[in-house]
Amino acid sequence: MARIGIIGLGFMGRMHYETYQKIPSAQVVMVADKDPKRAAGDLSGGWGNMQTGVSQLPMDKIRGTTDWRQLAHDPEVEIVDICVATPLHLELALEALAAGKHVLCEKPLALTSEDAQKVASAAAKAKGFFMPAMCLRFWAEWEWMRGAIGEQKYGAVRSATFRRVGSMPAGWFKDGQSSGGAILDLHIHDTDFVCHLFGKPSAVFSRGYTKTSGKIDHLVTQYLFENNVLVSAEGSWCFADGWPFNMGFTVNCERGTIHYDLSRKDSLIVYADGKANVIEHDKHDGFFGELSYFLDCVRAGTRPSRVTADDAVLAIRVLEAERKSVETGQVVRVKT
């Protein structure tokens, strides 16, 4: 049984807790949050762009603290799951790794690629395993799509478009100094997946603007590759209040077009041979996929490979090029 401690009980901490309840080999033994109410297990009144149902933790089975260091060094905790605001990731990840824990850290890994590299360097030398929680790589529809591309089931990819949009989230996300704006906290999912599919782009061309956070809250990026495949992504927190969060992709191949839309009942469809074919696939979400995978790695004694700290660093480097492109109006090369 994997013994887990969760640091941070906001939306993502609640989501992770609920997901662990679906994994037979997982046991949350400790939680930490600076809010004494949450540390005592009362999670009522939270926010999230996906539904969570937990409002009270079973504190007869879980210990709570307002001191995250106490959790990071607790001998009963085997895995530290970091779900706090982005500016705290560096300090918490470094200390948990130094304490010999296995560490899962929510995205983005840090506010800058420089700080993200510090975590990656520490993770490479650490006794415990480290994995950034890039849940999109484990989302069933994205897994299916990547598999179909890898097999060239419909021939080579000619173009790929990704979209992730919603209204401005509540809480600390509105403060760009903490969240980095939509470009870093939201759009990172699609930038990472573009790299997952096609490798590092040679350059990017982006347009965007801010609305609330003071950072880039809406942008559209074209990722430039040497083989000239057309790849773009839109990310936004600027839609009107009440607009439901949505995500999707369209991948156009030589012999078919793969389309996913979260809001549609038949979410994944392939158009090929003049027909619209609804794809039956595993229904797990990315949270279940990523947490299950990490626990399997810990149990097997195998370092995670499906997503690594180096992958998280690359995604932020690409985002930094996107930000510079928005600021300058120019095509910007991605640093190696």
C-alpha atoms as a PDB file:
ATOM      1  CA  MET A   1       0.000   0.000   0.000  1.00  0.00           C
ATOM      2  CA  ALA A   2       1.472   3.358  -1.060  1.00  0.00           C
ATOM      3  CA  ARG A   3       1.399   5.855   1.839  1.00  0.00           C
ATOM      4  CA  ILE A   4       0.701   9.344   0.463  1.00  0.00           C
ATOM      5  CA  GLY A   5       0.830  12.840   1.895  1.00  0.00           C
ATOM      6  CA  ILE A   6      -0.893  15.662  -0.003  1.00  0.00           C
ATOM      7  CA  ILE A   7       0.351  19.244   0.409  1.00  0.00           C
ATOM      8  CA  GLY A   8      -2.322  21.742  -0.607  1.00  0.00           C
ATOM      9  CA  LEU A   9      -6.053  21.044  -0.453  1.00  0.00           C
ATOM     10  CA  GLY A  10      -7.429  23.436  -3.033  1.00  0.00           C
ATOM     11  CA  PHE A  11      -9.110  22.199  -6.215  1.00  0.00           C
ATOM     12  CA  MET A  12      -6.183  20.070  -7.368  1.00  0.00           C
ATOM     13  CA  GLY A  13      -5.500  18.636  -3.933  1.00  0.00           C
ATOM     14  CA  ARG A  14      -9.145  17.629  -3.657  1.00  0.00           C
ATOM     15  CA  MET A  15      -9.049  16.133  -7.139  1.00  0.00           C
ATOM     16  CA  HIS A  16      -5.969  14.089  -6.281  1.00  0.00           C
ATOM     17  CA  TYR A  17      -7.485  12.915  -3.009  1.00  0.00           C
ATOM     18  CA  GLU A  18     -10.661  11.726  -4.745  1.00  0.00           C
ATOM     19  CA  THR A  19      -8.604   9.973  -7.418  1.00  0.00           C
ATOM     20  CA  TYR A  20      -6.535   8.097  -4.842  1.00  0.00           C
ATOM     21  CA  GLN A  21      -9.802   6.704  -3.442  1.00  0.00           C
ATOM     22  CA  LYS A  22     -10.278   4.916  -6.794  1.00  0.00           C
ATOM     23  CA  ILE A  23      -6.839   3.259  -6.648  1.00  0.00           C
ATOM     24  CA  PRO A  24      -6.777   0.172  -4.395  1.00  0.00           C
ATOM     25  CA  SER A  25      -3.033   0.440  -3.755  1.00  0.00           C
ATOM     26  CA  ALA A  26      -3.212   4.077  -2.552  1.00  0.00           C
ATOM     27  CA  GLN A  27      -3.669   5.299   1.009  1.00  0.00           C
ATOM     28  CA  VAL A  28      -3.639   8.996   1.922  1.00  0.00           C
ATOM     29  CA  VAL A  29      -2.179   9.082   5.437  1.00  0.00           C
ATOM     30  CA  MET A  30      -1.464  12.794   5.891  1.00  0.00           C
ATOM     31  CA  VAL A  31      -2.469  16.202   4.504  1.00  0.00           C
ATOM     32  CA  ALA A  32      -1.044  19.684   4.909  1.00  0.00           C
ATOM     33  CA  ASP A  33      -2.579  23.071   4.189  1.00  0.00           C
ATOM     34  CA  LYS A  34      -1.846  26.538   5.568  1.00  0.00           C
ATOM     35  CA  ASP A  35      -5.590  26.970   6.190  1.00  0.00           C
ATOM     36  CA  PRO A  36      -6.352  25.329   9.565  1.00  0.00           C
ATOM     37  CA  LYS A  37      -9.874  24.527   8.369  1.00  0.00           C
ATOM     38  CA  ARG A  38      -8.600  22.526   5.427  1.00  0.00           C
ATOM     39  CA  ALA A  39      -5.813  20.968   7.479  1.00  0.00           C
ATOM     40  CA  ALA A  40      -8.548  19.703   9.804  1.00  0.00           C
ATOM     41  CA  GLY A  41     -10.260  18.022   6.839  1.00  0.00           C
ATOM     42  CA  ASP A  42     -13.019  20.546   6.051  1.00  0.00           C
ATOM     43  CA  LEU A  43     -12.859  21.088   2.273  1.00  0.00           C
ATOM     44  CA  SER A  44     -16.220  22.810   1.831  1.00  0.00           C
ATOM     45  CA  GLY A  45     -16.490  25.923  -0.306  1.00  0.00           C
ATOM     46  CA  GLY A  46     -13.802  25.019  -2.829  1.00  0.00           C
ATOM     47  CA  TRP A  47     -13.594  25.904  -6.522  1.00  0.00           C
ATOM     48  CA  GLY A  48     -12.647  23.920  -9.615  1.00  0.00           C
ATOM     49  CA  ASN A  49     -13.195  23.694 -13.383  1.00  0.00           C
ATOM     50  CA  MET A  50     -14.115  20.022 -12.968  1.00  0.00           C
ATOM     51  CA  GLN A  51     -16.501  18.498 -10.465  1.00  0.00           C
ATOM     52  CA  THR A  52     -15.232  17.232  -7.139  1.00  0.00           C
ATOM     53  CA  GLY A  53     -17.561  15.862  -4.486  1.00  0.00           C
ATOM     54  CA  VAL A  54     -15.435  15.569  -1.344  1.00  0.00           C
ATOM     55  CA  SER A  55     -16.162  18.148   1.348  1.00  0.00           C
ATOM     56  CA  GLN A  56     -14.895  16.376   4.484  1.00  0.00           C
ATOM     57  CA  LEU A  57     -11.867  14.123   4.843  1.00  0.00           C
ATOM     58  CA  PRO A  58     -12.016  11.108   7.201  1.00  0.00           C
ATOM     59  CA  MET A  59      -9.674  12.513   9.830  1.00  0.00           C
ATOM     60  CA  ASP A  60      -9.928   9.375  11.926  1.00  0.00           C
ATOM     61  CA  LYS A  61      -7.721   7.837   9.214  1.00  0.00           C
ATOM     62  CA  ILE A  62      -5.705  10.880   8.114  1.00  0.00           C
ATOM     63  CA  ARG A  63      -3.452  13.220  10.066  1.00  0.00           C
ATOM     64  CA  GLY A  64      -3.562  16.928   9.228  1.00  0.00           C
ATOM     65  CA  THR A  65      -1.082  19.745   9.731  1.00  0.00           C
ATOM     66  CA  THR A  66      -0.583  23.381   8.747  1.00  0.00           C
ATOM     67  CA  ASP A  67       3.186  22.779   8.493  1.00  0.00           C
ATOM     68  CA  TRP A  68       4.110  21.242   5.135  1.00  0.00           C
ATOM     69  CA  ARG A  69       7.648  20.515   6.358  1.00  0.00           C
ATOM     70  CA  GLN A  70       6.225  18.240   9.002  1.00  0.00           C
ATOM     71  CA  LEU A  71       4.546  16.205   6.255  1.00  0.00           C
ATOM     72  CA  ALA A  72       7.635  16.223   4.004  1.00  0.00           C
ATOM     73  CA  HIS A  73       9.765  14.689   6.760  1.00  0.00           C
ATOM     74  CA  ASP A  74       7.179  12.390   8.324  1.00  0.00           C
ATOM     75  CA  PRO A  75       8.488   8.790   8.334  1.00  0.00           C
ATOM     76  CA  GLU A  76       5.034   7.371   7.594  1.00  0.00           C
ATOM     77  CA  VAL A  77       4.755   9.340   4.326  1.00  0.00           C
ATOM     78  CA  GLU A  78       6.308   7.547   1.365  1.00  0.00           C
ATOM     79  CA  ILE A  79       5.020   9.771  -1.463  1.00  0.00           C
ATOM     80  CA  VAL A  80       4.665  13.560  -1.283  1.00  0.00           C
ATOM     81  CA  ASP A  81       2.022  14.965  -3.645  1.00  0.00           C
ATOM     82  CA  ILE A  82       2.502  18.739  -4.130  1.00  0.00           C
ATOM     83  CA  CYS A  83      -0.702  20.607  -5.047  1.00  0.00           C
ATOM     84  CA  VAL A  84       0.070  24.160  -3.904  1.00  0.00           C
ATOM     85  CA  ALA A  85       0.373  27.402  -5.885  1.00  0.00           C
ATOM     86  CA  THR A  86       3.167  27.416  -8.473  1.00  0.00           C
ATOM     87  CA  PRO A  87       5.614  29.796  -6.692  1.00  0.00           C
ATOM     88  CA  LEU A  88       5.964  27.243  -3.875  1.00  0.00           C
ATOM     89  CA  HIS A  89       6.774  24.245  -6.079  1.00  0.00           C
ATOM     90  CA  LEU A  90      10.536  24.783  -6.138  1.00  0.00           C
ATOM     91  CA  GLU A  91      11.027  24.952  -2.371  1.00  0.00           C
ATOM     92  CA  LEU A  92       8.646  22.107  -1.568  1.00  0.00           C
ATOM     93  CA  ALA A  93       9.931  19.780  -4.278  1.00  0.00           C
ATOM     94  CA  LEU A  94      13.577  20.311  -3.350  1.00  0.00           C
ATOM     95  CA  GLU A  95      12.940  19.673   0.351  1.00  0.00           C
ATOM     96  CA  ALA A  96      10.763  16.599  -0.218  1.00  0.00           C
ATOM     97  CA  LEU A  97      13.385  15.124  -2.571  1.00  0.00           C
ATOM     98  CA  ALA A  98      16.144  15.887  -0.057  1.00  0.00           C
ATOM     99  CA  ALA A  99      14.076  14.068   2.570  1.00  0.00           C
ATOM    100  CA  GLY A 100      14.232  10.939   0.402  1.00  0.00           C
ATOM    101  CA  LYS A 101      10.567  10.947  -0.627  1.00  0.00           C
ATOM    102  CA  HIS A 102       9.031  10.024  -3.942  1.00  0.00           C
ATOM    103  CA  VAL A 103       7.542  13.284  -5.238  1.00  0.00           C
ATOM    104  CA  LEU A 104       4.661  14.097  -7.558  1.00  0.00           C
ATOM    105  CA  CYS A 105       4.403  17.828  -8.324  1.00  0.00           C
ATOM    106  CA  GLU A 106       1.552  19.603 -10.056  1.00  0.00           C
ATOM    107  CA  LYS A 107       2.150  21.652 -13.195  1.00  0.00           C
ATOM    108  CA  PRO A 108       3.687  23.977 -14.032  1.00  0.00           C
ATOM    109  CA  LEU A 109       6.854  22.783 -12.341  1.00  0.00           C
ATOM    110  CA  ALA A 110       7.942  26.391 -11.668  1.00  0.00           C
ATOM    111  CA  LEU A 111       7.353  29.945 -12.853  1.00  0.00           C
ATOM    112  CA  THR A 112      10.569  29.889 -14.916  1.00  0.00           C
ATOM    113  CA  SER A 113      12.540  27.266 -16.804  1.00  0.00           C
ATOM    114  CA  GLU A 114      15.573  28.176 -14.687  1.00  0.00           C
ATOM    115  CA  ASP A 115      13.775  27.170 -11.480  1.00  0.00           C
ATOM    116  CA  ALA A 116      12.255  24.131 -13.173  1.00  0.00           C
ATOM    117  CA  GLN A 117      15.771  23.020 -14.140  1.00  0.00           C
ATOM    118  CA  LYS A 118      16.807  23.203 -10.477  1.00  0.00           C
ATOM    119  CA  VAL A 119      14.082  20.677  -9.655  1.00  0.00           C
ATOM    120  CA  ALA A 120      15.041  18.480 -12.604  1.00  0.00           C
ATOM    121  CA  SER A 121      18.694  18.494 -11.531  1.00  0.00           C
ATOM    122  CA  ALA A 122      17.773  17.578  -7.952  1.00  0.00           C
ATOM    123  CA  ALA A 123      15.415  14.849  -9.170  1.00  0.00           C
ATOM    124  CA  ALA A 124      18.170  13.278 -11.288  1.00  0.00           C
ATOM    125  CA  LYS A 125      20.317  12.809  -8.168  1.00  0.00           C
ATOM    126  CA  ALA A 126      17.557  11.982  -5.671  1.00  0.00           C
ATOM    127  CA  LYS A 127      16.947   8.658  -3.981  1.00  0.00           C
ATOM    128  CA  GLY A 128      13.215   8.975  -4.552  1.00  0.00           C
ATOM    129  CA  PHE A 129      11.394   9.176  -7.883  1.00  0.00           C
ATOM    130  CA  PHE A 130      10.019  12.448  -9.245  1.00  0.00           C
ATOM    131  CA  MET A 131       7.229  13.091 -11.755  1.00  0.00           C
ATOM    132  CA  PRO A 132       5.511  16.300 -12.878  1.00  0.00           C
ATOM    133  CA  ALA A 133       1.732  15.866 -12.943  1.00  0.00           C
ATOM    134  CA  MET A 134       1.088  16.530 -16.632  1.00  0.00           C
ATOM    135  CA  CYS A 135      -2.312  14.856 -16.623  1.00  0.00           C
ATOM    136  CA  LEU A 136      -3.104  15.390 -20.312  1.00  0.00           C
ATOM    137  CA  ARG A 137      -0.525  12.778 -21.305  1.00  0.00           C
ATOM    138  CA  PHE A 138      -2.671  10.250 -19.438  1.00  0.00           C
ATOM    139  CA  TRP A 139      -6.115  11.376 -20.608  1.00  0.00           C
ATOM    140  CA  ALA A 140      -7.783   8.484 -22.429  1.00  0.00           C
ATOM    141  CA  GLU A 141      -8.696  10.363 -25.610  1.00  0.00           C
ATOM    142  CA  TRP A 142      -5.241  11.922 -25.895  1.00  0.00           C
ATOM    143  CA  GLU A 143      -3.627   8.521 -25.295  1.00  0.00           C
ATOM    144  CA  TRP A 144      -5.752   7.027 -28.073  1.00  0.00           C
ATOM    145  CA  MET A 145      -4.915   9.858 -30.441  1.00  0.00           C
ATOM    146  CA  ARG A 146      -1.175   9.596 -29.777  1.00  0.00           C
ATOM    147  CA  GLY A 147      -1.306   5.853 -30.337  1.00  0.00           C
ATOM    148  CA  ALA A 148      -3.132   6.298 -33.653  1.00  0.00           C
ATOM    149  CA  ILE A 149      -0.547   8.857 -34.772  1.00  0.00           C
ATOM    150  CA  GLY A 150       2.347   6.648 -33.714  1.00  0.00           C
ATOM    151  CA  GLU A 151       0.925   3.721 -35.704  1.00  0.00           C
ATOM    152  CA  GLN A 152       0.127   6.037 -38.632  1.00  0.00           C
ATOM    153  CA  LYS A 153      -3.337   4.494 -38.554  1.00  0.00           C
ATOM    154  CA  TYR A 154      -4.619   7.250 -40.834  1.00  0.00           C
ATOM    155  CA  GLY A 155      -1.304   8.123 -42.437  1.00  0.00           C
ATOM    156  CA  ALA A 156       1.060  10.956 -41.581  1.00  0.00           C
ATOM    157  CA  VAL A 157      -0.157  14.018 -39.652  1.00  0.00           C
ATOM    158  CA  ARG A 158      -0.660  17.086 -41.833  1.00  0.00           C
ATOM    159  CA  SER A 159      -2.009  19.443 -39.157  1.00  0.00           C
ATOM    160  CA  ALA A 160      -2.989  19.494 -35.497  1.00  0.00           C
ATOM    161  CA  THR A 161      -4.992  22.104 -33.611  1.00  0.00           C
ATOM    162  CA  PHE A 162      -5.595  22.204 -29.851  1.00  0.00           C
ATOM    163  CA  ARG A 163      -8.023  24.362 -27.848  1.00  0.00           C
ATOM    164  CA  ARG A 164      -8.422  24.896 -24.076  1.00  0.00           C
ATOM    165  CA  VAL A 165     -10.679  27.786 -23.054  1.00  0.00           C
ATOM    166  CA  GLY A 166     -12.797  29.037 -20.196  1.00  0.00           C
ATOM    167  CA  SER A 167     -13.548  32.004 -17.989  1.00  0.00           C
ATOM    168  CA  MET A 168     -11.116  33.406 -15.426  1.00  0.00           C
ATOM    169  CA  PRO A 169     -10.763  30.991 -12.486  1.00  0.00           C
ATOM    170  CA  ALA A 170     -11.336  32.129  -8.930  1.00  0.00           C
ATOM    171  CA  GLY A 171      -8.708  32.620  -6.250  1.00  0.00           C
ATOM    172  CA  TRP A 172      -4.956  32.958  -6.708  1.00  0.00           C
ATOM    173  CA  PHE A 173      -5.112  32.256 -10.448  1.00  0.00           C
ATOM    174  CA  LYS A 174      -6.188  35.881 -10.982  1.00  0.00           C
ATOM    175  CA  ASP A 175      -2.791  36.999  -9.672  1.00  0.00           C
ATOM    176  CA  GLY A 176      -0.350  36.574 -12.524  1.00  0.00           C
ATOM    177  CA  GLN A 177       2.613  36.786 -10.158  1.00  0.00           C
ATOM    178  CA  SER A 178       1.402  33.518  -8.625  1.00  0.00           C
ATOM    179  CA  SER A 179      -0.210  31.711 -11.568  1.00  0.00           C
ATOM    180  CA  GLY A 180       1.800  33.056 -14.484  1.00  0.00           C
ATOM    181  CA  GLY A 181      -1.470  33.715 -16.297  1.00  0.00           C
ATOM    182  CA  ALA A 182      -3.295  31.343 -18.616  1.00  0.00           C
ATOM    183  CA  ILE A 183      -0.193  30.898 -20.764  1.00  0.00           C
ATOM    184  CA  LEU A 184       1.635  29.118 -17.940  1.00  0.00           C
ATOM    185  CA  ASP A 185      -1.110  27.506 -15.891  1.00  0.00           C
ATOM    186  CA  LEU A 186      -3.598  26.469 -18.606  1.00  0.00           C
ATOM    187  CA  HIS A 187      -1.955  26.564 -22.037  1.00  0.00           C
ATOM    188  CA  ILE A 188       1.011  24.533 -20.732  1.00  0.00           C
ATOM    189  CA  HIS A 189      -1.079  21.364 -21.132  1.00  0.00           C
ATOM    190  CA  ASP A 190      -1.281  21.741 -24.896  1.00  0.00           C
ATOM    191  CA  THR A 191       2.268  23.016 -25.324  1.00  0.00           C
ATOM    192  CA  ASP A 192       3.530  19.961 -23.430  1.00  0.00           C
ATOM    193  CA  PHE A 193       1.399  17.633 -25.532  1.00  0.00           C
ATOM    194  CA  VAL A 194       2.629  19.215 -28.750  1.00  0.00           C
ATOM    195  CA  CYS A 195       6.165  18.410 -27.595  1.00  0.00           C
ATOM    196  CA  HIS A 196       5.006  14.916 -26.594  1.00  0.00           C
ATOM    197  CA  LEU A 197       3.697  14.311 -30.117  1.00  0.00           C
ATOM    198  CA  PHE A 198       6.174  16.102 -32.337  1.00  0.00           C
ATOM    199  CA  GLY A 199       9.266  16.864 -30.234  1.00  0.00           C
ATOM    200  CA  LYS A 200      10.705  20.312 -29.538  1.00  0.00           C
ATOM    201  CA  PRO A 201       9.529  22.934 -32.039  1.00  0.00           C
ATOM    202  CA  SER A 202      12.313  24.931 -33.645  1.00  0.00           C
ATOM    203  CA  ALA A 203      10.408  28.186 -33.105  1.00  0.00           C
ATOM    204  CA  VAL A 204       7.004  29.642 -32.238  1.00  0.00           C
ATOM    205  CA  PHE A 205       4.828  32.514 -33.378  1.00  0.00           C
ATOM    206  CA  SER A 206       2.209  33.731 -30.876  1.00  0.00           C
ATOM    207  CA  ARG A 207      -0.380  36.457 -30.397  1.00  0.00           C
ATOM    208  CA  GLY A 208      -2.073  37.167 -27.086  1.00  0.00           C
ATOM    209  CA  TYR A 209      -3.298  39.639 -24.481  1.00  0.00           C
ATOM    210  CA  THR A 210      -4.035  39.979 -20.778  1.00  0.00           C
ATOM    211  CA  LYS A 211      -7.429  40.425 -19.157  1.00  0.00           C
ATOM    212  CA  THR A 212      -7.195  40.062 -15.382  1.00  0.00           C
ATOM    213  CA  SER A 213      -3.956  38.476 -14.198  1.00  0.00           C
ATOM    214  CA  GLY A 214      -1.499  40.994 -15.637  1.00  0.00           C
ATOM    215  CA  LYS A 215       0.113  38.132 -17.562  1.00  0.00           C
ATOM    216  CA  ILE A 216      -0.973  36.581 -20.874  1.00  0.00           C
ATOM    217  CA  ASP A 217      -4.503  35.254 -20.395  1.00  0.00           C
ATOM    218  CA  HIS A 218      -5.424  34.453 -24.008  1.00  0.00           C
ATOM    219  CA  LEU A 219      -3.078  33.399 -26.773  1.00  0.00           C
ATOM    220  CA  VAL A 220      -2.886  31.511 -30.012  1.00  0.00           C
ATOM    221  CA  THR A 221       0.423  29.897 -30.962  1.00  0.00           C
ATOM    222  CA  GLN A 222       1.770  28.372 -34.152  1.00  0.00           C
ATOM    223  CA  TYR A 223       4.538  25.843 -33.424  1.00  0.00           C
ATOM    224  CA  LEU A 224       7.112  25.699 -36.200  1.00  0.00           C
ATOM    225  CA  PHE A 225       8.744  22.373 -37.105  1.00  0.00           C
ATOM    226  CA  GLU A 226      11.369  21.518 -39.680  1.00  0.00           C
ATOM    227  CA  ASN A 227       9.012  19.052 -41.415  1.00  0.00           C
ATOM    228  CA  ASN A 228       6.419  21.830 -41.880  1.00  0.00           C
ATOM    229  CA  VAL A 229       3.569  20.000 -40.108  1.00  0.00           C
ATOM    230  CA  LEU A 230       0.980  22.672 -39.208  1.00  0.00           C
ATOM    231  CA  VAL A 231       0.498  22.777 -35.417  1.00  0.00           C
ATOM    232  CA  SER A 232      -1.330  25.414 -33.389  1.00  0.00           C
ATOM    233  CA  ALA A 233      -3.009  25.829 -30.009  1.00  0.00           C
ATOM    234  CA  GLU A 234      -5.332  28.322 -28.329  1.00  0.00           C
ATOM    235  CA  GLY A 235      -5.530  28.823 -24.570  1.00  0.00           C
ATOM    236  CA  SER A 236      -7.744  31.314 -22.743  1.00  0.00           C
ATOM    237  CA  TRP A 237      -9.091  32.436 -19.391  1.00  0.00           C
ATOM    238  CA  CYS A 238     -10.766  35.424 -21.083  1.00  0.00           C
ATOM    239  CA  PHE A 239     -14.172  34.051 -22.008  1.00  0.00           C
ATOM    240  CA  ALA A 240     -17.235  35.581 -20.374  1.00  0.00           C
ATOM    241  CA  ASP A 241     -18.104  34.574 -16.813  1.00  0.00           C
ATOM    242  CA  GLY A 242     -20.240  31.472 -16.923  1.00  0.00           C
ATOM    243  CA  TRP A 243     -18.660  30.090 -20.080  1.00  0.00           C
ATOM    244  CA  PRO A 244     -18.147  26.362 -19.407  1.00  0.00           C
ATOM    245  CA  PHE A 245     -14.575  25.092 -19.532  1.00  0.00           C
ATOM    246  CA  ASN A 246     -13.868  23.156 -22.708  1.00  0.00           C
ATOM    247  CA  MET A 247     -10.928  21.422 -24.322  1.00  0.00           C
ATOM    248  CA  GLY A 248     -10.476  19.683 -27.635  1.00  0.00           C
ATOM    249  CA  PHE A 249      -8.268  18.866 -30.572  1.00  0.00           C
ATOM    250  CA  THR A 250      -8.431  18.267 -34.323  1.00  0.00           C
ATOM    251  CA  VAL A 251      -5.675  16.189 -35.904  1.00  0.00           C
ATOM    252  CA  ASN A 252      -5.821  15.986 -39.680  1.00  0.00           C
ATOM    253  CA  CYS A 253      -3.988  13.036 -41.211  1.00  0.00           C
ATOM    254  CA  GLU A 254      -3.547  11.830 -44.794  1.00  0.00           C
ATOM    255  CA  ARG A 255      -6.516   9.442 -44.627  1.00  0.00           C
ATOM    256  CA  GLY A 256      -8.643  10.703 -41.755  1.00  0.00           C
ATOM    257  CA  THR A 257      -9.394  13.489 -39.281  1.00  0.00           C
ATOM    258  CA  ILE A 258      -9.431  12.833 -35.519  1.00  0.00           C
ATOM    259  CA  HIS A 259     -11.668  15.176 -33.535  1.00  0.00           C
ATOM    260  CA  TYR A 260     -12.234  15.439 -29.779  1.00  0.00           C
ATOM    261  CA  ASP A 261     -14.593  17.826 -27.967  1.00  0.00           C
ATOM    262  CA  LEU A 262     -15.091  17.540 -24.204  1.00  0.00           C
ATOM    263  CA  SER A 263     -18.588  19.033 -24.417  1.00  0.00           C
ATOM    264  CA  ARG A 264     -19.886  16.462 -26.918  1.00  0.00           C
ATOM    265  CA  LYS A 265     -21.561  13.214 -25.839  1.00  0.00           C
ATOM    266  CA  ASP A 266     -19.584  11.193 -28.384  1.00  0.00           C
ATOM    267  CA  SER A 267     -16.422  13.074 -27.546  1.00  0.00           C
ATOM    268  CA  LEU A 268     -13.948  11.284 -29.832  1.00  0.00           C
ATOM    269  CA  ILE A 269     -14.788  10.852 -33.538  1.00  0.00           C
ATOM    270  CA  VAL A 270     -12.669   9.921 -36.543  1.00  0.00           C
ATOM    271  CA  TYR A 271     -13.831  11.033 -39.980  1.00  0.00           C
ATOM    272  CA  ALA A 272     -12.516   8.566 -42.565  1.00  0.00           C
ATOM    273  CA  ASP A 273     -13.771   6.875 -45.743  1.00  0.00           C
ATOM    274  CA  GLY A 274     -16.711   9.256 -45.871  1.00  0.00           C
ATOM    275  CA  LYS A 275     -17.971   8.220 -42.415  1.00  0.00           C
ATOM    276  CA  ALA A 276     -18.013   9.657 -38.906  1.00  0.00           C
ATOM    277  CA  ASN A 277     -16.777   6.856 -36.658  1.00  0.00           C
ATOM    278  CA  VAL A 278     -17.373   7.189 -32.910  1.00  0.00           C
ATOM    279  CA  ILE A 279     -14.315   5.777 -31.145  1.00  0.00           C
ATOM    280  CA  GLU A 280     -14.873   3.479 -28.192  1.00  0.00           C
ATOM    281  CA  HIS A 281     -12.024   3.841 -25.735  1.00  0.00           C
ATOM    282  CA  ASP A 282     -11.081   3.572 -22.093  1.00  0.00           C
ATOM    283  CA  LYS A 283     -12.987   6.211 -20.108  1.00  0.00           C
ATOM    284  CA  HIS A 284     -10.429   7.045 -17.392  1.00  0.00           C
ATOM    285  CA  ASP A 285      -9.474  10.681 -16.892  1.00  0.00           C
ATOM    286  CA  GLY A 286      -5.925  11.962 -16.817  1.00  0.00           C
ATOM    287  CA  PHE A 287      -5.769  12.256 -13.029  1.00  0.00           C
ATOM    288  CA  PHE A 288      -6.479   8.554 -12.573  1.00  0.00           C
ATOM    289  CA  GLY A 289      -4.032   7.712 -15.330  1.00  0.00           C
ATOM    290  CA  GLU A 290      -1.136   9.766 -14.016  1.00  0.00           C
ATOM    291  CA  LEU A 291      -1.537   8.840 -10.337  1.00  0.00           C
ATOM    292  CA  SER A 292      -1.954   5.142 -11.119  1.00  0.00           C
ATOM    293  CA  TYR A 293       1.130   5.225 -13.331  1.00  0.00           C
ATOM    294  CA  PHE A 294       3.276   6.968 -10.697  1.00  0.00           C
ATOM    295  CA  LEU A 295       2.232   4.518  -7.978  1.00  0.00           C
ATOM    296  CA  ASP A 296       3.007   1.624 -10.345  1.00  0.00           C
ATOM    297  CA  CYS A 297       6.489   3.077 -10.909  1.00  0.00           C
ATOM    298  CA  VAL A 298       7.105   3.392  -7.170  1.00  0.00           C
ATOM    299  CA  ARG A 299       5.903  -0.147  -6.550  1.00  0.00           C
ATOM    300  CA  ALA A 300       8.062  -1.548  -9.365  1.00  0.00           C
ATOM    301  CA  GLY A 301      11.113   0.518  -8.454  1.00  0.00           C
ATOM    302  CA  THR A 302      11.202   2.023 -11.962  1.00  0.00           C
ATOM    303  CA  ARG A 303      11.753   5.727 -12.601  1.00  0.00           C
ATOM    304  CA  PRO A 304       8.838   7.357 -14.480  1.00  0.00           C
ATOM    305  CA  SER A 305       9.452   7.727 -18.205  1.00  0.00           C
ATOM    306  CA  ARG A 306       6.069   8.695 -19.688  1.00  0.00           C
ATOM    307  CA  VAL A 307       6.630  12.212 -18.388  1.00  0.00           C
ATOM    308  CA  THR A 308       9.804  13.469 -16.745  1.00  0.00           C
ATOM    309  CA  ALA A 309      11.166  16.566 -15.056  1.00  0.00           C
ATOM    310  CA  ASP A 310      13.089  17.296 -18.268  1.00  0.00           C
ATOM    311  CA  ASP A 311       9.782  17.267 -20.167  1.00  0.00           C
ATOM    312  CA  ALA A 312       8.406  19.837 -17.708  1.00  0.00           C
ATOM    313  CA  VAL A 313      11.461  22.054 -18.220  1.00  0.00           C
ATOM    314  CA  LEU A 314      11.084  21.891 -22.010  1.00  0.00           C
ATOM    315  CA  ALA A 315       7.411  22.869 -21.855  1.00  0.00           C
ATOM    316  CA  ILE A 316       8.264  26.008 -19.867  1.00  0.00           C
ATOM    317  CA  ARG A 317      11.092  26.881 -22.270  1.00  0.00           C
ATOM    318  CA  VAL A 318       8.637  26.723 -25.166  1.00  0.00           C
ATOM    319  CA  LEU A 319       6.158  28.851 -23.206  1.00  0.00           C
ATOM    320  CA  GLU A 320       8.875  31.426 -22.560  1.00  0.00           C
ATOM    321  CA  ALA A 321       9.441  31.619 -26.313  1.00  0.00           C
ATOM    322  CA  GLU A 322       5.673  32.017 -26.811  1.00  0.00           C
ATOM    323  CA  ARG A 323       5.613  34.852 -24.275  1.00  0.00           C
ATOM    324  CA  LYS A 324       8.502  36.605 -26.012  1.00  0.00           C
ATOM    325  CA  SER A 325       6.738  36.201 -29.358  1.00  0.00           C
ATOM    326  CA  VAL A 326       3.598  37.868 -27.971  1.00  0.00           C
ATOM    327  CA  GLU A 327       5.712  40.714 -26.568  1.00  0.00           C
ATOM    328  CA  THR A 328       7.772  41.289 -29.716  1.00  0.00           C
ATOM    329  CA  GLY A 329       5.424  40.267 -32.504  1.00  0.00           C
ATOM    330  CA  GLN A 330       8.213  38.144 -33.925  1.00  0.00           C
ATOM    331  CA  VAL A 331       8.901  34.466 -34.547  1.00  0.00           C
ATOM    332  CA  VAL A 332      11.034  33.279 -31.605  1.00  0.00           C
ATOM    333  CA  ARG A 333      13.355  30.299 -31.610  1.00  0.00           C
ATOM    334  CA  VAL A 334      13.040  27.824 -28.739  1.00  0.00           C
ATOM    335  CA  LYS A 335      16.158  27.539 -26.604  1.00  0.00           C
ATOM    336  CA  THR A 336      17.855  24.163 -26.349  1.00  0.00           C
END
